[in-house]
């Protein structure tokens, strides 16, 4: 039975490759370190979709920050300030033509980028407003120390979720609320 399944998978992959579907999907995973595009959709406080000049849509995760989570169904509840964070990013970047400077692709094949806005970035501004944390979930996620300073400024001025006093980092929220929900 296992060899039949393996043969079937091999056949389907060959069929898809011949039809030209795999090369197109692979093209979406190509990494571009810098590009320009217009923000056409804001998913939440740290994820956008950008339309490039060539007509390609690219999903982008904002580098260096982690914003409060929005509601993703019964087993993935939203976090306080999740909606506000997404709305603030939408007001800041939706419809704007921006330069994106990217460092990598994440595990979901999203470009991880800084969104340039004059002398600053949308990433820094989200932290400065108290609507995103400097992403300390892993050391490699935080490359811009200006984001840390922006977060410290928001914290000292009690902006955004820092006014609450009960703010929980999104990486901790996901661990406590999402990975233990509905099990």
N, C-alpha and C. Protein backbone atom coordinates (compact mmCIF):
# COMPACT_ATOMS: atom_id res chain seq x y z
N UNK A 1 0.82 -1.19 0.00
CA UNK A 1 0.00 0.00 0.00
C UNK A 1 0.86 1.26 0.00
N UNK A 2 1.92 1.24 0.80
CA UNK A 2 2.79 2.41 0.89
C UNK A 2 3.48 2.70 -0.44
N UNK A 3 3.90 1.64 -1.17
CA UNK A 3 4.57 1.85 -2.45
C UNK A 3 3.59 2.38 -3.50
N UNK A 4 2.31 1.98 -3.40
CA UNK A 4 1.29 2.50 -4.32
C UNK A 4 1.11 3.99 -4.07
N UNK A 5 1.04 4.38 -2.80
CA UNK A 5 0.91 5.79 -2.43
C UNK A 5 2.11 6.59 -2.92
N UNK A 6 3.30 6.05 -2.72
CA UNK A 6 4.53 6.71 -3.15
C UNK A 6 4.54 6.89 -4.66
N UNK A 7 4.11 5.88 -5.39
CA UNK A 7 4.05 5.96 -6.85
C UNK A 7 3.02 7.00 -7.29
N UNK A 8 1.90 7.05 -6.60
CA UNK A 8 0.87 8.03 -6.92
C UNK A 8 1.37 9.45 -6.70
N UNK A 9 2.05 9.68 -5.59
CA UNK A 9 2.61 11.00 -5.30
C UNK A 9 3.61 11.39 -6.39
N UNK A 10 4.49 10.48 -6.76
CA UNK A 10 5.48 10.74 -7.81
C UNK A 10 4.79 11.10 -9.12
N UNK A 11 3.72 10.36 -9.46
CA UNK A 11 2.98 10.63 -10.69
C UNK A 11 2.34 12.02 -10.65
N UNK A 12 1.70 12.37 -9.54
CA UNK A 12 1.04 13.67 -9.41
C UNK A 12 2.05 14.81 -9.51
N UNK A 13 3.19 14.67 -8.85
CA UNK A 13 4.23 15.70 -8.92
C UNK A 13 4.72 15.85 -10.36
N UNK A 14 4.94 14.74 -11.06
CA UNK A 14 5.38 14.79 -12.46
C UNK A 14 4.31 15.47 -13.32
N UNK A 15 3.06 15.15 -13.09
CA UNK A 15 1.96 15.75 -13.85
C UNK A 15 1.89 17.25 -13.62
N UNK A 16 2.00 17.66 -12.39
CA UNK A 16 1.94 19.08 -12.06
C UNK A 16 3.14 19.82 -12.65
N UNK A 17 4.32 19.23 -12.56
CA UNK A 17 5.52 19.85 -13.11
C UNK A 17 5.38 20.02 -14.61
N UNK A 18 4.87 19.01 -15.30
CA UNK A 18 4.69 19.07 -16.74
C UNK A 18 3.68 20.15 -17.11
N UNK A 19 2.68 20.34 -16.29
CA UNK A 19 1.65 21.34 -16.56
C UNK A 19 2.14 22.76 -16.28
N UNK A 20 3.33 22.89 -15.68
CA UNK A 20 3.89 24.21 -15.42
C UNK A 20 3.44 24.84 -14.12
N UNK A 21 2.78 24.08 -13.27
CA UNK A 21 2.27 24.64 -12.02
C UNK A 21 3.38 24.82 -11.00
N UNK A 22 4.29 23.87 -10.88
CA UNK A 22 5.37 23.96 -9.89
C UNK A 22 6.30 25.15 -10.13
N UNK A 23 6.75 25.39 -11.40
CA UNK A 23 7.62 26.55 -11.59
C UNK A 23 6.95 27.86 -11.19
N UNK A 24 5.64 28.00 -11.43
CA UNK A 24 4.95 29.22 -11.03
C UNK A 24 4.94 29.35 -9.51
N UNK A 25 4.65 28.28 -8.80
CA UNK A 25 4.65 28.32 -7.33
C UNK A 25 6.05 28.60 -6.82
N UNK A 26 7.06 28.01 -7.45
CA UNK A 26 8.44 28.25 -7.03
C UNK A 26 8.82 29.71 -7.22
N UNK A 27 8.28 30.35 -8.26
CA UNK A 27 8.59 31.76 -8.51
C UNK A 27 8.13 32.63 -7.35
N UNK A 28 7.03 32.25 -6.69
CA UNK A 28 6.54 33.04 -5.57
C UNK A 28 7.45 32.91 -4.36
N UNK A 29 8.29 31.88 -4.31
CA UNK A 29 9.19 31.70 -3.18
C UNK A 29 10.55 32.36 -3.41
N UNK A 30 10.75 32.96 -4.56
CA UNK A 30 12.02 33.62 -4.83
C UNK A 30 12.17 34.82 -3.92
N UNK A 31 13.36 34.96 -3.38
CA UNK A 31 13.63 36.05 -2.45
C UNK A 31 14.15 37.27 -3.19
N UNK A 32 13.59 38.42 -2.90
CA UNK A 32 14.02 39.70 -3.46
C UNK A 32 14.43 40.60 -2.30
N UNK A 33 15.72 41.00 -2.19
CA UNK A 33 16.15 41.78 -1.04
C UNK A 33 15.60 43.21 -0.98
N UNK A 34 15.26 43.79 -2.12
CA UNK A 34 14.67 45.13 -2.11
C UNK A 34 13.78 45.28 -3.33
N UNK A 35 12.61 45.84 -3.10
CA UNK A 35 11.69 46.10 -4.20
C UNK A 35 10.74 47.20 -3.80
N UNK A 36 10.04 47.75 -4.80
CA UNK A 36 9.03 48.75 -4.55
C UNK A 36 7.67 48.17 -4.90
N UNK A 37 6.67 48.67 -4.20
CA UNK A 37 5.32 48.22 -4.49
C UNK A 37 4.30 49.02 -3.72
N UNK A 38 3.05 48.84 -4.12
CA UNK A 38 1.93 49.53 -3.46
C UNK A 38 1.25 48.54 -2.52
N UNK A 39 1.04 48.95 -1.29
CA UNK A 39 0.36 48.10 -0.31
C UNK A 39 -1.12 48.04 -0.69
N UNK A 40 -1.59 46.82 -1.00
CA UNK A 40 -2.97 46.66 -1.44
C UNK A 40 -3.85 45.98 -0.39
N UNK A 41 -3.24 45.43 0.65
CA UNK A 41 -4.02 44.78 1.71
C UNK A 41 -3.19 44.75 2.99
N UNK A 42 -3.87 44.94 4.12
CA UNK A 42 -3.24 44.82 5.43
C UNK A 42 -3.97 43.70 6.16
N UNK A 43 -3.24 42.62 6.46
CA UNK A 43 -3.84 41.48 7.17
C UNK A 43 -4.04 41.80 8.64
N UNK A 44 -3.00 42.36 9.26
CA UNK A 44 -3.01 42.66 10.69
C UNK A 44 -1.89 43.65 10.97
N UNK A 45 -1.46 43.78 12.20
CA UNK A 45 -0.47 44.78 12.57
C UNK A 45 0.95 44.51 12.13
N UNK A 46 1.21 43.36 11.53
CA UNK A 46 2.57 43.09 11.05
C UNK A 46 2.62 42.29 9.75
N UNK A 47 1.52 42.28 8.99
CA UNK A 47 1.50 41.55 7.72
C UNK A 47 0.71 42.34 6.67
N UNK A 48 1.32 42.52 5.49
CA UNK A 48 0.67 43.24 4.40
C UNK A 48 0.85 42.46 3.09
N UNK A 49 0.09 42.87 2.09
CA UNK A 49 0.26 42.36 0.73
C UNK A 49 0.63 43.55 -0.14
N UNK A 50 1.69 43.37 -0.93
CA UNK A 50 2.22 44.44 -1.77
C UNK A 50 2.09 44.04 -3.24
N UNK A 51 1.61 44.97 -4.07
CA UNK A 51 1.53 44.77 -5.50
C UNK A 51 2.76 45.40 -6.14
N UNK A 52 3.57 44.56 -6.77
CA UNK A 52 4.78 45.03 -7.44
C UNK A 52 4.45 45.59 -8.82
N UNK A 53 5.40 46.30 -9.40
CA UNK A 53 5.20 46.89 -10.72
C UNK A 53 4.89 45.84 -11.78
N UNK A 54 5.43 44.63 -11.61
CA UNK A 54 5.19 43.55 -12.59
C UNK A 54 3.84 42.87 -12.40
N UNK A 55 3.03 43.35 -11.46
CA UNK A 55 1.70 42.79 -11.23
C UNK A 55 1.67 41.66 -10.22
N UNK A 56 2.84 41.25 -9.73
CA UNK A 56 2.91 40.15 -8.76
C UNK A 56 2.55 40.67 -7.37
N UNK A 57 1.71 39.92 -6.66
CA UNK A 57 1.39 40.24 -5.27
C UNK A 57 2.33 39.47 -4.37
N UNK A 58 2.88 40.15 -3.38
CA UNK A 58 3.82 39.55 -2.46
C UNK A 58 3.36 39.78 -1.03
N UNK A 59 3.22 38.69 -0.28
CA UNK A 59 2.85 38.79 1.14
C UNK A 59 4.11 39.12 1.92
N UNK A 60 4.01 40.11 2.81
CA UNK A 60 5.17 40.62 3.53
C UNK A 60 4.89 40.62 5.03
N UNK A 61 5.82 40.09 5.78
CA UNK A 61 5.81 40.13 7.25
C UNK A 61 6.75 41.25 7.65
N UNK A 62 6.29 42.20 8.45
CA UNK A 62 7.15 43.30 8.87
C UNK A 62 8.27 42.77 9.76
N UNK A 63 9.49 43.11 9.43
CA UNK A 63 10.67 42.67 10.18
C UNK A 63 10.74 43.35 11.53
N UNK A 64 11.38 42.70 12.46
CA UNK A 64 11.76 43.27 13.76
C UNK A 64 10.62 43.50 14.75
N UNK A 65 9.38 43.32 14.34
CA UNK A 65 8.26 43.55 15.25
C UNK A 65 7.34 42.34 15.30
N UNK A 66 6.54 42.29 16.34
CA UNK A 66 5.47 41.31 16.46
C UNK A 66 4.28 42.06 17.05
N UNK A 67 3.18 42.11 16.29
CA UNK A 67 2.00 42.86 16.70
C UNK A 67 1.01 41.95 17.43
N UNK A 68 0.13 42.53 18.24
CA UNK A 68 -0.89 41.72 18.91
C UNK A 68 -1.70 40.92 17.90
N UNK A 69 -2.03 39.71 18.27
CA UNK A 69 -2.74 38.81 17.37
C UNK A 69 -4.20 39.22 17.20
N UNK A 70 -4.71 39.01 15.98
CA UNK A 70 -6.13 39.20 15.72
C UNK A 70 -6.83 37.85 15.80
N UNK A 71 -8.13 37.88 15.87
CA UNK A 71 -8.94 36.66 15.99
C UNK A 71 -8.80 35.79 14.75
N UNK A 72 -8.53 34.51 14.94
CA UNK A 72 -8.41 33.55 13.84
C UNK A 72 -9.25 32.31 14.13
N UNK A 73 -10.49 32.50 14.51
CA UNK A 73 -11.38 31.38 14.79
C UNK A 73 -11.44 31.03 16.26
N UNK A 74 -12.30 30.08 16.58
CA UNK A 74 -12.59 29.71 17.97
C UNK A 74 -11.35 29.28 18.74
N UNK A 75 -10.45 28.58 18.11
CA UNK A 75 -9.26 28.05 18.80
C UNK A 75 -8.08 29.01 18.80
N UNK A 76 -8.24 30.16 18.14
CA UNK A 76 -7.17 31.15 18.09
C UNK A 76 -7.75 32.53 18.38
N UNK A 77 -8.02 32.80 19.66
CA UNK A 77 -8.66 34.07 20.02
C UNK A 77 -7.74 35.26 19.76
N UNK A 78 -8.38 36.40 19.53
CA UNK A 78 -7.64 37.64 19.33
C UNK A 78 -7.11 38.17 20.64
N UNK A 79 -6.12 39.01 20.51
CA UNK A 79 -5.43 39.59 21.66
C UNK A 79 -5.88 41.05 21.81
N UNK A 80 -5.92 41.57 23.05
CA UNK A 80 -6.22 43.00 23.20
C UNK A 80 -5.28 43.83 22.31
N UNK A 81 -5.82 44.82 21.66
CA UNK A 81 -5.10 45.72 20.76
C UNK A 81 -4.79 45.10 19.39
N UNK A 82 -5.22 43.86 19.15
CA UNK A 82 -4.99 43.25 17.84
C UNK A 82 -5.66 44.02 16.71
N UNK A 83 -6.93 44.36 16.91
CA UNK A 83 -7.67 45.12 15.89
C UNK A 83 -7.08 46.52 15.71
N UNK A 84 -6.79 47.19 16.84
CA UNK A 84 -6.23 48.56 16.77
C UNK A 84 -4.90 48.57 16.02
N UNK A 85 -4.10 47.56 16.28
CA UNK A 85 -2.80 47.47 15.62
C UNK A 85 -2.96 47.36 14.11
N UNK A 86 -3.85 46.47 13.67
CA UNK A 86 -4.09 46.31 12.24
C UNK A 86 -4.65 47.57 11.60
N UNK A 87 -5.57 48.23 12.31
CA UNK A 87 -6.15 49.47 11.78
C UNK A 87 -5.11 50.57 11.66
N UNK A 88 -4.21 50.65 12.63
CA UNK A 88 -3.16 51.68 12.59
C UNK A 88 -2.22 51.44 11.41
N UNK A 89 -1.83 50.19 11.21
CA UNK A 89 -0.94 49.89 10.07
C UNK A 89 -1.66 50.19 8.76
N UNK A 90 -2.94 49.88 8.70
CA UNK A 90 -3.73 50.15 7.49
C UNK A 90 -3.74 51.64 7.19
N UNK A 91 -4.00 52.47 8.20
CA UNK A 91 -4.00 53.92 8.00
C UNK A 91 -2.62 54.42 7.55
N UNK A 92 -1.59 53.78 8.04
CA UNK A 92 -0.22 54.22 7.76
C UNK A 92 0.25 53.86 6.35
N UNK A 93 -0.10 52.66 5.85
CA UNK A 93 0.54 52.19 4.61
C UNK A 93 -0.40 51.82 3.47
N UNK A 94 -1.67 51.56 3.73
CA UNK A 94 -2.56 51.07 2.67
C UNK A 94 -2.64 52.06 1.51
N UNK A 95 -2.42 51.55 0.31
CA UNK A 95 -2.49 52.37 -0.89
C UNK A 95 -1.21 53.13 -1.20
N UNK A 96 -0.23 53.06 -0.32
CA UNK A 96 1.02 53.80 -0.54
C UNK A 96 2.04 52.98 -1.30
N UNK A 97 2.81 53.70 -2.12
CA UNK A 97 3.93 53.11 -2.85
C UNK A 97 5.14 53.21 -1.92
N UNK A 98 5.73 52.05 -1.58
CA UNK A 98 6.84 52.02 -0.62
C UNK A 98 8.02 51.23 -1.17
N UNK A 99 9.17 51.50 -0.58
CA UNK A 99 10.35 50.67 -0.83
C UNK A 99 10.46 49.69 0.32
N UNK A 100 10.63 48.41 -0.02
CA UNK A 100 10.74 47.36 0.99
C UNK A 100 12.15 46.80 0.96
N UNK A 101 12.78 46.76 2.13
CA UNK A 101 14.12 46.19 2.28
C UNK A 101 13.95 44.93 3.10
N UNK A 102 14.30 43.80 2.49
CA UNK A 102 13.97 42.49 3.06
C UNK A 102 15.22 41.73 3.47
N UNK A 103 15.08 40.92 4.52
CA UNK A 103 16.21 40.16 5.04
C UNK A 103 16.13 38.67 4.76
N UNK A 104 14.92 38.14 4.59
CA UNK A 104 14.77 36.69 4.44
C UNK A 104 13.34 36.36 4.02
N UNK A 105 13.08 35.09 3.82
CA UNK A 105 11.73 34.56 3.71
C UNK A 105 11.45 33.82 5.02
N UNK A 106 10.21 33.92 5.51
CA UNK A 106 9.89 33.17 6.72
C UNK A 106 9.37 31.78 6.35
N UNK A 107 8.96 31.02 7.33
CA UNK A 107 8.54 29.64 7.08
C UNK A 107 7.26 29.55 6.26
N UNK A 108 6.55 30.67 6.11
CA UNK A 108 5.34 30.70 5.30
C UNK A 108 5.61 31.32 3.92
N UNK A 109 6.89 31.46 3.56
CA UNK A 109 7.33 32.05 2.29
C UNK A 109 6.96 33.52 2.15
N UNK A 110 6.79 34.21 3.26
CA UNK A 110 6.56 35.65 3.21
C UNK A 110 7.92 36.34 3.25
N UNK A 111 8.05 37.42 2.49
CA UNK A 111 9.24 38.25 2.61
C UNK A 111 9.18 38.94 3.98
N UNK A 112 10.29 38.99 4.68
CA UNK A 112 10.39 39.67 5.98
C UNK A 112 11.13 40.97 5.70
N UNK A 113 10.41 42.10 5.84
CA UNK A 113 10.92 43.37 5.32
C UNK A 113 10.68 44.55 6.26
N UNK A 114 11.50 45.57 6.04
CA UNK A 114 11.26 46.89 6.60
C UNK A 114 10.53 47.69 5.53
N UNK A 115 9.47 48.40 5.91
CA UNK A 115 8.71 49.23 4.98
C UNK A 115 9.15 50.68 5.18
N UNK A 116 9.96 51.18 4.25
CA UNK A 116 10.52 52.53 4.36
C UNK A 116 9.44 53.60 4.19
N UNK A 117 9.53 54.59 5.09
CA UNK A 117 8.63 55.75 5.04
C UNK A 117 9.45 56.98 5.35
N UNK A 118 10.10 57.53 4.35
CA UNK A 118 10.96 58.69 4.57
C UNK A 118 12.16 58.33 5.42
N UNK A 119 12.31 58.99 6.56
CA UNK A 119 13.46 58.77 7.43
C UNK A 119 13.26 57.63 8.43
N UNK A 120 12.10 57.00 8.39
CA UNK A 120 11.81 55.92 9.34
C UNK A 120 11.20 54.74 8.59
N UNK A 121 10.67 53.79 9.34
CA UNK A 121 9.97 52.65 8.74
C UNK A 121 8.62 52.48 9.44
N UNK A 122 7.70 51.84 8.75
CA UNK A 122 6.41 51.52 9.37
C UNK A 122 6.64 50.62 10.57
N UNK A 123 7.65 49.76 10.50
CA UNK A 123 7.98 48.84 11.58
C UNK A 123 8.28 49.62 12.86
N UNK A 124 9.16 50.60 12.76
CA UNK A 124 9.53 51.42 13.92
C UNK A 124 8.33 52.19 14.44
N UNK A 125 7.51 52.71 13.53
CA UNK A 125 6.36 53.52 13.94
C UNK A 125 5.33 52.67 14.69
N UNK A 126 5.17 51.43 14.29
CA UNK A 126 4.24 50.55 15.01
C UNK A 126 4.71 50.35 16.45
N UNK A 127 6.02 50.16 16.64
CA UNK A 127 6.57 50.02 17.99
C UNK A 127 6.46 51.34 18.76
N UNK A 128 6.70 52.46 18.08
CA UNK A 128 6.65 53.79 18.72
C UNK A 128 5.24 54.12 19.21
N UNK A 129 4.22 53.62 18.50
CA UNK A 129 2.83 53.87 18.91
C UNK A 129 2.36 52.92 20.00
N UNK A 130 3.20 51.95 20.35
CA UNK A 130 2.78 50.96 21.34
C UNK A 130 1.79 49.96 20.78
N UNK A 131 1.94 49.66 19.49
CA UNK A 131 1.03 48.73 18.84
C UNK A 131 1.77 47.52 18.26
N UNK A 132 3.06 47.40 18.60
CA UNK A 132 3.85 46.21 18.24
C UNK A 132 5.06 46.16 19.18
N UNK A 133 5.50 44.96 19.46
CA UNK A 133 6.69 44.75 20.28
C UNK A 133 7.91 44.64 19.39
N UNK A 134 9.06 44.99 19.92
CA UNK A 134 10.32 44.59 19.29
C UNK A 134 10.33 43.07 19.40
N UNK A 135 10.50 42.38 18.29
CA UNK A 135 10.33 40.93 18.26
C UNK A 135 11.52 40.21 18.89
N UNK A 136 11.33 39.81 20.14
CA UNK A 136 12.38 39.11 20.88
C UNK A 136 12.10 37.61 21.00
N UNK A 137 11.17 37.09 20.19
CA UNK A 137 10.85 35.66 20.25
C UNK A 137 12.08 34.82 19.96
N UNK A 138 12.92 35.30 19.05
CA UNK A 138 14.22 34.68 18.75
C UNK A 138 15.20 35.81 18.47
N UNK A 139 16.44 35.63 18.83
CA UNK A 139 17.45 36.68 18.64
C UNK A 139 17.56 37.09 17.18
N UNK A 140 17.41 36.16 16.26
CA UNK A 140 17.56 36.47 14.84
C UNK A 140 16.41 37.32 14.29
N UNK A 141 15.31 37.43 15.02
CA UNK A 141 14.16 38.21 14.55
C UNK A 141 14.33 39.72 14.75
N UNK A 142 15.28 40.12 15.57
CA UNK A 142 15.43 41.54 15.92
C UNK A 142 16.78 42.05 15.45
N UNK A 143 16.76 42.74 14.31
CA UNK A 143 18.00 43.25 13.72
C UNK A 143 18.13 44.77 13.84
N UNK A 144 17.03 45.46 14.07
CA UNK A 144 17.01 46.93 14.07
C UNK A 144 16.85 47.45 15.50
N UNK A 145 17.93 47.98 16.06
CA UNK A 145 17.88 48.48 17.44
C UNK A 145 17.03 49.74 17.58
N UNK A 146 16.74 50.41 16.48
CA UNK A 146 15.82 51.55 16.53
C UNK A 146 14.41 51.10 16.93
N UNK A 147 14.05 49.89 16.59
CA UNK A 147 12.75 49.34 16.99
C UNK A 147 12.72 49.17 18.51
N UNK A 148 13.82 48.74 19.08
CA UNK A 148 13.91 48.59 20.54
C UNK A 148 13.75 49.96 21.20
N UNK A 149 14.43 50.97 20.68
CA UNK A 149 14.31 52.33 21.24
C UNK A 149 12.89 52.86 21.09
N UNK A 150 12.25 52.58 19.95
CA UNK A 150 10.86 53.02 19.74
C UNK A 150 9.93 52.35 20.74
N UNK A 151 10.15 51.06 21.00
CA UNK A 151 9.35 50.36 21.99
C UNK A 151 9.56 50.96 23.38
N UNK A 152 10.80 51.24 23.73
CA UNK A 152 11.10 51.84 25.05
C UNK A 152 10.42 53.19 25.20
N UNK A 153 10.41 53.97 24.13
CA UNK A 153 9.74 55.28 24.15
C UNK A 153 8.24 55.10 24.39
N UNK A 154 7.62 54.17 23.67
CA UNK A 154 6.18 53.91 23.84
C UNK A 154 5.88 53.43 25.26
N UNK A 155 6.73 52.58 25.77
CA UNK A 155 6.54 52.05 27.13
C UNK A 155 6.62 53.17 28.15
N UNK A 156 7.63 54.04 28.03
CA UNK A 156 7.79 55.13 29.01
C UNK A 156 6.67 56.16 28.91
N UNK A 157 6.11 56.34 27.70
CA UNK A 157 5.01 57.29 27.50
C UNK A 157 3.64 56.62 27.68
N UNK A 158 3.63 55.32 27.96
CA UNK A 158 2.41 54.53 28.17
C UNK A 158 1.46 54.65 26.97
N UNK A 159 2.03 54.49 25.77
CA UNK A 159 1.24 54.53 24.55
C UNK A 159 0.73 53.13 24.21
N UNK A 160 -0.43 53.10 23.53
CA UNK A 160 -0.96 51.84 23.03
C UNK A 160 -1.19 50.84 24.15
N UNK A 161 -0.75 49.60 23.93
CA UNK A 161 -0.98 48.55 24.93
C UNK A 161 -0.17 48.76 26.19
N UNK A 162 0.81 49.64 26.19
CA UNK A 162 1.59 49.91 27.40
C UNK A 162 0.75 50.66 28.44
N UNK A 163 -0.34 51.31 28.02
CA UNK A 163 -1.22 51.98 28.97
C UNK A 163 -2.02 50.96 29.78
N UNK A 164 -2.16 49.77 29.25
CA UNK A 164 -2.95 48.71 29.87
C UNK A 164 -2.29 48.12 31.11
N UNK A 165 -1.01 47.92 31.06
CA UNK A 165 -0.31 47.30 32.18
C UNK A 165 -0.41 45.78 32.18
N UNK A 166 -1.24 45.23 31.31
CA UNK A 166 -1.44 43.78 31.24
C UNK A 166 -0.98 43.22 29.89
N UNK A 167 -0.19 43.98 29.16
CA UNK A 167 0.23 43.58 27.81
C UNK A 167 1.03 42.27 27.84
N UNK A 168 0.68 41.38 26.92
CA UNK A 168 1.34 40.08 26.80
C UNK A 168 1.96 40.01 25.40
N UNK A 169 3.23 39.69 25.32
CA UNK A 169 3.90 39.59 24.03
C UNK A 169 3.18 38.57 23.15
N UNK A 170 3.05 38.85 21.85
CA UNK A 170 2.33 37.93 20.96
C UNK A 170 2.90 36.52 20.93
N UNK A 171 4.21 36.37 21.01
CA UNK A 171 4.79 35.02 21.00
C UNK A 171 4.39 34.25 22.26
N UNK A 172 4.21 34.96 23.36
CA UNK A 172 3.74 34.33 24.59
C UNK A 172 2.24 34.04 24.49
N UNK A 173 1.48 34.98 23.92
CA UNK A 173 0.05 34.81 23.71
C UNK A 173 -0.23 33.57 22.87
N UNK A 174 0.49 33.44 21.76
CA UNK A 174 0.29 32.27 20.89
C UNK A 174 0.55 30.98 21.65
N UNK A 175 1.61 30.99 22.44
CA UNK A 175 1.97 29.79 23.21
C UNK A 175 0.88 29.45 24.23
N UNK A 176 0.40 30.46 24.95
CA UNK A 176 -0.58 30.23 26.01
C UNK A 176 -2.01 30.05 25.49
N UNK A 177 -2.40 30.84 24.50
CA UNK A 177 -3.78 30.85 24.06
C UNK A 177 -4.06 29.97 22.84
N UNK A 178 -3.13 29.91 21.91
CA UNK A 178 -3.39 29.18 20.68
C UNK A 178 -2.97 27.73 20.76
N UNK A 179 -1.80 27.48 21.28
CA UNK A 179 -1.29 26.12 21.26
C UNK A 179 -1.93 25.24 22.34
N UNK A 180 -2.61 25.87 23.28
CA UNK A 180 -3.28 25.10 24.32
C UNK A 180 -4.80 25.13 24.17
N UNK A 181 -5.31 25.86 23.19
CA UNK A 181 -6.75 25.95 22.98
C UNK A 181 -7.24 24.76 22.17
N UNK A 182 -8.48 24.38 22.48
CA UNK A 182 -9.18 23.35 21.70
C UNK A 182 -8.41 22.04 21.60
N UNK A 183 -7.61 21.72 22.61
CA UNK A 183 -6.88 20.45 22.53
C UNK A 183 -7.62 19.33 23.21
